[in-house]
C-alpha cells in the first residue's frame, strides 16, 4: 500500500518508522512542502495519514476528499466542524477515519469506561466523577482529545452530566455539579496518561490507561489505513474494532 504522511512531528516520524516494514511511503509532507498535498493523486497514494494541527486539518482532509484519497486523521481540536466535513465527504464521495486516539488499547479503554458508566448510572448519586490527563509539555491542546472523548462517553451514559470543565494542574473545591471536571497536567517526557475516577464515601473506582510509547498510536493509525483503503464515508476506531470482533 502506498501511503502519504501529512505532518512530520513526533507521530509522523513514529509512523514512518513502523510503516517501512509493510507500507511504501511515497510522500512526507510538512511545513516546508505543504503545497504538495494537492498532488498526492499523481503519486498514486492509496491512503494519507494526517497528524498536524487543528487549523490545518480541515483543509488537509478536504484536499484528500477532492483527490479521492482516503485519509486517517489523528489531529484533534476540529470536531466542532464535523458536520461541515460530513457535507464535504458526501460532496466528493470521500473517505475518512478519525479518532482522538488511534491506540487500540485506548479504544478498548473507551469501551471499558462506557460499560462502567452504564452500570454506575443507577448509583451515580453516590459517586463523583473526575478525569485526569497528563501529557508532555509540548502538547498544545488542553484538555486532550482523549479526555474530552472520555467525558462525552460518560455524559452519553449518565444523564446527570451535560458537559465537562477543564482545570490546569489542580482540582478546585467548587465545581459545577452537572459538569465533569477534567484536570490537565503537563510534565516533561510523559507520553500520555488518562484516569477516570468514580469516587464515593465508601470507595474509589479507578480506570486508567498509561501509554508507554508512541508506537501503539502509530500502529493503530496504520491499522486504520488498511481499514479505510477501499471504503467511502466517515468512520471511527469503533468501526475498526467492531469489524474485527
C-alpha atoms as a PDB file:
ATOM      1  CA  UNK A   1       0.000   0.000   0.000  1.00  0.00           C
ATOM      2  CA  UNK A   2       1.282   3.468  -0.904  1.00  0.00           C
ATOM      3  CA  UNK A   3       0.858   5.962   1.921  1.00  0.00           C
ATOM      4  CA  UNK A   4       1.456   9.655   2.445  1.00  0.00           C
ATOM      5  CA  UNK A   5       2.359  11.045   5.861  1.00  0.00           C
ATOM      6  CA  UNK A   6       0.945  14.519   6.442  1.00  0.00           C
ATOM      7  CA  UNK A   7       2.678  16.117   9.403  1.00  0.00           C
ATOM      8  CA  UNK A   8       6.231  15.171  10.317  1.00  0.00           C
ATOM      9  CA  UNK A   9       6.303  15.712  14.053  1.00  0.00           C
ATOM     10  CA  UNK A  10       6.748  13.015  16.685  1.00  0.00           C
ATOM     11  CA  UNK A  11       3.789  10.986  15.450  1.00  0.00           C
ATOM     12  CA  UNK A  12       4.726  11.370  11.806  1.00  0.00           C
ATOM     13  CA  UNK A  13       8.219  10.092  12.491  1.00  0.00           C
ATOM     14  CA  UNK A  14       6.858   7.154  14.525  1.00  0.00           C
ATOM     15  CA  UNK A  15       4.508   6.213  11.699  1.00  0.00           C
ATOM     16  CA  UNK A  16       7.388   6.446   9.238  1.00  0.00           C
ATOM     17  CA  UNK A  17       9.492   4.122  11.368  1.00  0.00           C
ATOM     18  CA  UNK A  18       6.805   1.438  11.706  1.00  0.00           C
ATOM     19  CA  UNK A  19       5.371   1.699   8.211  1.00  0.00           C
ATOM     20  CA  UNK A  20       8.622   0.903   6.395  1.00  0.00           C
ATOM     21  CA  UNK A  21       8.077  -2.787   7.212  1.00  0.00           C
ATOM     22  CA  UNK A  22       4.814  -3.259   5.280  1.00  0.00           C
ATOM     23  CA  UNK A  23       3.987   0.034   3.553  1.00  0.00           C
ATOM     24  CA  UNK A  24       5.509   2.114   0.797  1.00  0.00           C
ATOM     25  CA  UNK A  25       5.902   5.768   1.821  1.00  0.00           C
ATOM     26  CA  UNK A  26       5.613   7.858  -1.323  1.00  0.00           C
ATOM     27  CA  UNK A  27       5.234  11.283   0.270  1.00  0.00           C
ATOM     28  CA  UNK A  28       6.042  13.008   3.559  1.00  0.00           C
ATOM     29  CA  UNK A  29       4.541  16.470   3.913  1.00  0.00           C
ATOM     30  CA  UNK A  30       5.437  19.091   6.494  1.00  0.00           C
ATOM     31  CA  UNK A  31       5.512  22.894   6.633  1.00  0.00           C
ATOM     32  CA  UNK A  32       8.345  23.077   4.069  1.00  0.00           C
ATOM     33  CA  UNK A  33       6.436  21.359   1.253  1.00  0.00           C
ATOM     34  CA  UNK A  34       2.796  21.648   2.364  1.00  0.00           C
ATOM     35  CA  UNK A  35       1.635  22.592  -1.159  1.00  0.00           C
ATOM     36  CA  UNK A  36       2.443  19.026  -2.264  1.00  0.00           C
ATOM     37  CA  UNK A  37      -0.684  17.777  -0.517  1.00  0.00           C
ATOM     38  CA  UNK A  38      -2.613  18.786  -3.635  1.00  0.00           C
ATOM     39  CA  UNK A  39      -0.538  16.449  -5.842  1.00  0.00           C
ATOM     40  CA  UNK A  40      -0.850  13.208  -3.880  1.00  0.00           C
ATOM     41  CA  UNK A  41      -3.044  11.619  -6.546  1.00  0.00           C
ATOM     42  CA  UNK A  42      -0.208  11.999  -9.056  1.00  0.00           C
ATOM     43  CA  UNK A  43       1.982   9.925  -6.728  1.00  0.00           C
ATOM     44  CA  UNK A  44      -0.505   7.029  -6.602  1.00  0.00           C
ATOM     45  CA  UNK A  45      -1.150   7.453  -2.871  1.00  0.00           C
ATOM     46  CA  UNK A  46      -3.633   4.869  -1.572  1.00  0.00           C
ATOM     47  CA  UNK A  47      -4.152   6.365   1.903  1.00  0.00           C
ATOM     48  CA  UNK A  48      -2.962   9.521   3.666  1.00  0.00           C
ATOM     49  CA  UNK A  49      -2.231   9.594   7.402  1.00  0.00           C
ATOM     50  CA  UNK A  50      -2.603  13.050   8.951  1.00  0.00           C
ATOM     51  CA  UNK A  51      -1.248  14.287  12.298  1.00  0.00           C
ATOM     52  CA  UNK A  52      -0.895  18.068  12.161  1.00  0.00           C
ATOM     53  CA  UNK A  53      -2.772  20.870  13.948  1.00  0.00           C
ATOM     54  CA  UNK A  54      -6.455  21.851  14.186  1.00  0.00           C
ATOM     55  CA  UNK A  55      -6.066  24.931  11.986  1.00  0.00           C
ATOM     56  CA  UNK A  56      -4.719  22.870   9.065  1.00  0.00           C
ATOM     57  CA  UNK A  57      -6.530  19.537   9.487  1.00  0.00           C
ATOM     58  CA  UNK A  58      -9.762  20.685   7.813  1.00  0.00           C
ATOM     59  CA  UNK A  59      -8.002  21.779   4.614  1.00  0.00           C
ATOM     60  CA  UNK A  60      -5.911  18.599   4.579  1.00  0.00           C
ATOM     61  CA  UNK A  61      -8.982  16.388   4.886  1.00  0.00           C
ATOM     62  CA  UNK A  62     -10.852  18.208   2.128  1.00  0.00           C
ATOM     63  CA  UNK A  63      -7.824  18.107  -0.181  1.00  0.00           C
ATOM     64  CA  UNK A  64      -7.754  14.317   0.176  1.00  0.00           C
ATOM     65  CA  UNK A  65     -11.519  14.136  -0.436  1.00  0.00           C
ATOM     66  CA  UNK A  66     -11.098  16.079  -3.686  1.00  0.00           C
ATOM     67  CA  UNK A  67      -8.368  13.677  -4.840  1.00  0.00           C
ATOM     68  CA  UNK A  68     -10.361  10.570  -3.829  1.00  0.00           C
ATOM     69  CA  UNK A  69      -7.661   9.597  -1.340  1.00  0.00           C
ATOM     70  CA  UNK A  70      -8.916   8.017   1.897  1.00  0.00           C
ATOM     71  CA  UNK A  71      -7.481   9.761   4.938  1.00  0.00           C
ATOM     72  CA  UNK A  72      -6.669   8.748   8.509  1.00  0.00           C
ATOM     73  CA  UNK A  73      -6.847  11.816  10.756  1.00  0.00           C
ATOM     74  CA  UNK A  74      -5.339  11.803  14.235  1.00  0.00           C
ATOM     75  CA  UNK A  75      -5.475  15.574  14.696  1.00  0.00           C
ATOM     76  CA  UNK A  76      -7.934  16.779  17.341  1.00  0.00           C
ATOM     77  CA  UNK A  77      -9.460  20.173  18.054  1.00  0.00           C
ATOM     78  CA  UNK A  78     -11.559  20.406  14.849  1.00  0.00           C
ATOM     79  CA  UNK A  79     -14.548  18.257  15.828  1.00  0.00           C
ATOM     80  CA  UNK A  80     -16.845  21.269  16.046  1.00  0.00           C
ATOM     81  CA  UNK A  81     -16.614  21.272  12.226  1.00  0.00           C
ATOM     82  CA  UNK A  82     -17.632  17.606  11.858  1.00  0.00           C
ATOM     83  CA  UNK A  83     -20.937  18.444  10.124  1.00  0.00           C
ATOM     84  CA  UNK A  84     -19.045  20.521   7.559  1.00  0.00           C
ATOM     85  CA  UNK A  85     -16.640  17.622   6.998  1.00  0.00           C
ATOM     86  CA  UNK A  86     -19.564  15.210   6.560  1.00  0.00           C
ATOM     87  CA  UNK A  87     -21.020  17.553   3.951  1.00  0.00           C
ATOM     88  CA  UNK A  88     -17.718  17.696   2.057  1.00  0.00           C
ATOM     89  CA  UNK A  89     -17.279  13.933   2.336  1.00  0.00           C
ATOM     90  CA  UNK A  90     -20.665  13.430   0.657  1.00  0.00           C
ATOM     91  CA  UNK A  91     -19.913  16.093  -1.944  1.00  0.00           C
ATOM     92  CA  UNK A  92     -16.647  14.482  -3.052  1.00  0.00           C
ATOM     93  CA  UNK A  93     -17.558  10.864  -2.187  1.00  0.00           C
ATOM     94  CA  UNK A  94     -14.543  10.757   0.125  1.00  0.00           C
ATOM     95  CA  UNK A  95     -13.371   8.500   2.930  1.00  0.00           C
ATOM     96  CA  UNK A  96     -12.195   9.416   6.430  1.00  0.00           C
ATOM     97  CA  UNK A  97     -11.459   7.603   9.657  1.00  0.00           C
ATOM     98  CA  UNK A  98     -10.783   9.895  12.606  1.00  0.00           C
ATOM     99  CA  UNK A  99     -10.170   9.391  16.293  1.00  0.00           C
ATOM    100  CA  UNK A 100      -8.902  11.402  19.262  1.00  0.00           C
ATOM    101  CA  UNK A 101      -6.583   8.447  19.869  1.00  0.00           C
ATOM    102  CA  UNK A 102      -5.639   5.624  17.487  1.00  0.00           C
ATOM    103  CA  UNK A 103      -4.150   3.364  20.147  1.00  0.00           C
ATOM    104  CA  UNK A 104      -6.001   0.038  20.177  1.00  0.00           C
ATOM    105  CA  UNK A 105      -5.527  -0.072  23.956  1.00  0.00           C
ATOM    106  CA  UNK A 106      -7.086   3.362  24.430  1.00  0.00           C
ATOM    107  CA  UNK A 107     -10.089   2.412  22.315  1.00  0.00           C
ATOM    108  CA  UNK A 108     -10.575  -0.716  24.406  1.00  0.00           C
ATOM    109  CA  UNK A 109     -10.294   1.603  27.423  1.00  0.00           C
ATOM    110  CA  UNK A 110     -13.066   3.793  25.959  1.00  0.00           C
ATOM    111  CA  UNK A 111     -15.341   0.757  25.870  1.00  0.00           C
ATOM    112  CA  UNK A 112     -14.455  -0.196  29.467  1.00  0.00           C
ATOM    113  CA  UNK A 113     -15.348   3.333  30.640  1.00  0.00           C
ATOM    114  CA  UNK A 114     -18.595   3.157  28.661  1.00  0.00           C
ATOM    115  CA  UNK A 115     -19.631  -0.143  30.232  1.00  0.00           C
ATOM    116  CA  UNK A 116     -18.670   1.030  33.725  1.00  0.00           C
ATOM    117  CA  UNK A 117     -20.722   4.199  33.259  1.00  0.00           C
ATOM    118  CA  UNK A 118     -23.725   2.132  32.174  1.00  0.00           C
ATOM    119  CA  UNK A 119     -23.535   0.091  35.360  1.00  0.00           C
ATOM    120  CA  UNK A 120     -22.920   3.062  37.657  1.00  0.00           C
ATOM    121  CA  UNK A 121     -25.676   5.301  36.304  1.00  0.00           C
ATOM    122  CA  UNK A 122     -28.154   3.750  38.771  1.00  0.00           C
ATOM    123  CA  UNK A 123     -25.873   4.636  41.663  1.00  0.00           C
ATOM    124  CA  UNK A 124     -24.312   7.854  40.402  1.00  0.00           C
ATOM    125  CA  UNK A 125     -25.829   9.968  43.207  1.00  0.00           C
ATOM    126  CA  UNK A 126     -23.305   8.264  45.488  1.00  0.00           C
ATOM    127  CA  UNK A 127     -20.323   8.959  43.247  1.00  0.00           C
ATOM    128  CA  UNK A 128     -18.360  11.926  41.978  1.00  0.00           C
ATOM    129  CA  UNK A 129     -16.576  11.617  38.625  1.00  0.00           C
ATOM    130  CA  UNK A 130     -13.174  13.096  37.818  1.00  0.00           C
ATOM    131  CA  UNK A 131     -10.986  12.743  34.733  1.00  0.00           C
ATOM    132  CA  UNK A 132      -7.253  13.374  34.860  1.00  0.00           C
ATOM    133  CA  UNK A 133      -4.915  13.580  31.874  1.00  0.00           C
ATOM    134  CA  UNK A 134      -1.136  14.000  31.861  1.00  0.00           C
ATOM    135  CA  UNK A 135       0.925  14.719  28.734  1.00  0.00           C
ATOM    136  CA  UNK A 136       4.301  16.077  27.687  1.00  0.00           C
ATOM    137  CA  UNK A 137       4.886  19.824  27.858  1.00  0.00           C
ATOM    138  CA  UNK A 138       4.879  20.189  24.057  1.00  0.00           C
ATOM    139  CA  UNK A 139       1.224  19.182  23.769  1.00  0.00           C
ATOM    140  CA  UNK A 140      -0.699  22.267  22.665  1.00  0.00           C
ATOM    141  CA  UNK A 141      -4.340  21.417  23.372  1.00  0.00           C
ATOM    142  CA  UNK A 142      -5.822  21.170  26.847  1.00  0.00           C
ATOM    143  CA  UNK A 143      -7.668  19.067  27.725  1.00  0.00           C
ATOM    144  CA  UNK A 144      -6.586  16.297  25.389  1.00  0.00           C
ATOM    145  CA  UNK A 145      -8.984  14.993  22.755  1.00  0.00           C
ATOM    146  CA  UNK A 146      -8.886  11.643  24.540  1.00  0.00           C
ATOM    147  CA  UNK A 147     -10.013  13.225  27.830  1.00  0.00           C
ATOM    148  CA  UNK A 148     -12.823  15.065  26.054  1.00  0.00           C
ATOM    149  CA  UNK A 149     -13.933  11.819  24.446  1.00  0.00           C
ATOM    150  CA  UNK A 150     -13.946  10.119  27.862  1.00  0.00           C
ATOM    151  CA  UNK A 151     -16.149  12.913  29.241  1.00  0.00           C
ATOM    152  CA  UNK A 152     -18.506  12.633  26.268  1.00  0.00           C
ATOM    153  CA  UNK A 153     -18.749   8.858  26.738  1.00  0.00           C
ATOM    154  CA  UNK A 154     -19.708   9.299  30.400  1.00  0.00           C
ATOM    155  CA  UNK A 155     -22.199  12.079  29.572  1.00  0.00           C
ATOM    156  CA  UNK A 156     -23.776   9.802  26.983  1.00  0.00           C
ATOM    157  CA  UNK A 157     -24.465   7.149  29.599  1.00  0.00           C
ATOM    158  CA  UNK A 158     -25.194   9.227  32.727  1.00  0.00           C
ATOM    159  CA  UNK A 159     -27.888  11.903  32.403  1.00  0.00           C
ATOM    160  CA  UNK A 160     -26.677  13.791  35.491  1.00  0.00           C
ATOM    161  CA  UNK A 161     -23.839  15.277  33.410  1.00  0.00           C
ATOM    162  CA  UNK A 162     -24.243  17.595  30.427  1.00  0.00           C
ATOM    163  CA  UNK A 163     -20.628  18.570  29.726  1.00  0.00           C
ATOM    164  CA  UNK A 164     -17.140  18.990  31.128  1.00  0.00           C
ATOM    165  CA  UNK A 165     -14.950  21.689  32.652  1.00  0.00           C
ATOM    166  CA  UNK A 166     -11.179  21.867  32.343  1.00  0.00           C
ATOM    167  CA  UNK A 167      -8.750  22.755  35.143  1.00  0.00           C
ATOM    168  CA  UNK A 168      -4.970  23.036  34.966  1.00  0.00           C
ATOM    169  CA  UNK A 169      -2.882  21.091  37.478  1.00  0.00           C
ATOM    170  CA  UNK A 170      -5.306  21.038  40.411  1.00  0.00           C
ATOM    171  CA  UNK A 171      -8.972  20.485  41.161  1.00  0.00           C
ATOM    172  CA  UNK A 172     -10.656  23.440  42.910  1.00  0.00           C
ATOM    173  CA  UNK A 173     -13.132  22.987  45.741  1.00  0.00           C
ATOM    174  CA  UNK A 174     -16.117  24.494  43.929  1.00  0.00           C
ATOM    175  CA  UNK A 175     -17.161  22.525  40.850  1.00  0.00           C
ATOM    176  CA  UNK A 176     -20.328  22.736  38.780  1.00  0.00           C
ATOM    177  CA  UNK A 177     -22.381  19.680  39.750  1.00  0.00           C
ATOM    178  CA  UNK A 178     -23.503  18.846  36.200  1.00  0.00           C
ATOM    179  CA  UNK A 179     -20.045  19.227  34.633  1.00  0.00           C
ATOM    180  CA  UNK A 180     -17.352  16.551  34.706  1.00  0.00           C
ATOM    181  CA  UNK A 181     -14.062  18.079  35.880  1.00  0.00           C
ATOM    182  CA  UNK A 182     -11.016  17.318  33.742  1.00  0.00           C
ATOM    183  CA  UNK A 183      -7.659  18.035  35.369  1.00  0.00           C
ATOM    184  CA  UNK A 184      -4.867  18.575  32.820  1.00  0.00           C
ATOM    185  CA  UNK A 185      -1.203  18.357  33.720  1.00  0.00           C
ATOM    186  CA  UNK A 186       1.854  18.867  31.523  1.00  0.00           C
ATOM    187  CA  UNK A 187       5.065  17.118  32.573  1.00  0.00           C
ATOM    188  CA  UNK A 188       8.297  16.520  30.667  1.00  0.00           C
ATOM    189  CA  UNK A 189       8.681  13.181  28.856  1.00  0.00           C
ATOM    190  CA  UNK A 190       5.182  11.834  29.583  1.00  0.00           C
ATOM    191  CA  UNK A 191       3.619  10.126  26.556  1.00  0.00           C
ATOM    192  CA  UNK A 192       0.078  10.089  27.901  1.00  0.00           C
ATOM    193  CA  UNK A 193      -1.859   9.053  30.999  1.00  0.00           C
ATOM    194  CA  UNK A 194      -5.651   9.112  31.324  1.00  0.00           C
ATOM    195  CA  UNK A 195      -7.511   8.305  34.508  1.00  0.00           C
ATOM    196  CA  UNK A 196     -11.233   8.199  35.276  1.00  0.00           C
ATOM    197  CA  UNK A 197     -12.144   8.077  38.966  1.00  0.00           C
ATOM    198  CA  UNK A 198     -15.620   7.329  40.327  1.00  0.00           C
ATOM    199  CA  UNK A 199     -15.351   8.312  43.987  1.00  0.00           C
ATOM    200  CA  UNK A 200     -17.789   7.874  46.880  1.00  0.00           C
ATOM    201  CA  UNK A 201     -17.549   7.995  50.657  1.00  0.00           C
ATOM    202  CA  UNK A 202     -17.345   4.203  50.524  1.00  0.00           C
ATOM    203  CA  UNK A 203     -14.781   3.543  47.789  1.00  0.00           C
ATOM    204  CA  UNK A 204     -12.941   4.704  44.684  1.00  0.00           C
ATOM    205  CA  UNK A 205     -13.226   3.020  41.304  1.00  0.00           C
ATOM    206  CA  UNK A 206     -10.234   4.000  39.159  1.00  0.00           C
ATOM    207  CA  UNK A 207      -9.895   3.212  35.448  1.00  0.00           C
ATOM    208  CA  UNK A 208      -6.504   4.172  33.998  1.00  0.00           C
ATOM    209  CA  UNK A 209      -4.681   3.913  30.692  1.00  0.00           C
ATOM    210  CA  UNK A 210      -0.974   4.686  30.523  1.00  0.00           C
ATOM    211  CA  UNK A 211       0.844   4.840  27.202  1.00  0.00           C
ATOM    212  CA  UNK A 212       4.438   3.583  27.375  1.00  0.00           C
ATOM    213  CA  UNK A 213       5.465   4.983  23.981  1.00  0.00           C
ATOM    214  CA  UNK A 214       4.026   6.299  20.710  1.00  0.00           C
ATOM    215  CA  UNK A 215       4.313   3.012  18.844  1.00  0.00           C
ATOM    216  CA  UNK A 216       0.802   1.997  19.940  1.00  0.00           C
ATOM    217  CA  UNK A 217      -0.662   5.161  18.397  1.00  0.00           C
ATOM    218  CA  UNK A 218       1.314   4.664  15.177  1.00  0.00           C
ATOM    219  CA  UNK A 219       0.346   1.003  14.883  1.00  0.00           C
ATOM    220  CA  UNK A 220      -3.326   1.880  15.320  1.00  0.00           C
ATOM    221  CA  UNK A 221      -3.075   4.565  12.631  1.00  0.00           C
ATOM    222  CA  UNK A 222      -1.567   2.056  10.197  1.00  0.00           C
ATOM    223  CA  UNK A 223      -4.320  -0.436  11.014  1.00  0.00           C
ATOM    224  CA  UNK A 224      -6.811   2.355  10.313  1.00  0.00           C
ATOM    225  CA  UNK A 225      -5.128   2.956   6.934  1.00  0.00           C
ATOM    226  CA  UNK A 226      -5.667  -0.683   5.996  1.00  0.00           C
ATOM    227  CA  UNK A 227      -9.277  -0.438   7.181  1.00  0.00           C
ATOM    228  CA  UNK A 228     -10.189   2.721   5.210  1.00  0.00           C
ATOM    229  CA  UNK A 229      -8.364   1.923   1.947  1.00  0.00           C
ATOM    230  CA  UNK A 230     -11.323   0.735  -0.150  1.00  0.00           C
ATOM    231  CA  UNK A 231     -14.158   2.401   1.754  1.00  0.00           C
ATOM    232  CA  UNK A 232     -16.285   5.504   1.335  1.00  0.00           C
ATOM    233  CA  UNK A 233     -17.795   7.591   4.108  1.00  0.00           C
ATOM    234  CA  UNK A 234     -16.751   8.579   7.623  1.00  0.00           C
ATOM    235  CA  UNK A 235     -15.644   6.090  10.263  1.00  0.00           C
ATOM    236  CA  UNK A 236     -14.139   5.973  13.745  1.00  0.00           C
ATOM    237  CA  UNK A 237     -11.987   3.455  15.575  1.00  0.00           C
ATOM    238  CA  UNK A 238     -15.149   1.826  16.922  1.00  0.00           C
ATOM    239  CA  UNK A 239     -15.927   0.737  13.364  1.00  0.00           C
ATOM    240  CA  UNK A 240     -12.480  -0.795  13.029  1.00  0.00           C
ATOM    241  CA  UNK A 241     -12.741  -2.620  16.360  1.00  0.00           C
ATOM    242  CA  UNK A 242     -16.255  -3.899  15.630  1.00  0.00           C
ATOM    243  CA  UNK A 243     -15.159  -5.207  12.235  1.00  0.00           C
ATOM    244  CA  UNK A 244     -12.527  -7.349  13.960  1.00  0.00           C
ATOM    245  CA  UNK A 245     -14.807  -8.799  16.666  1.00  0.00           C
END
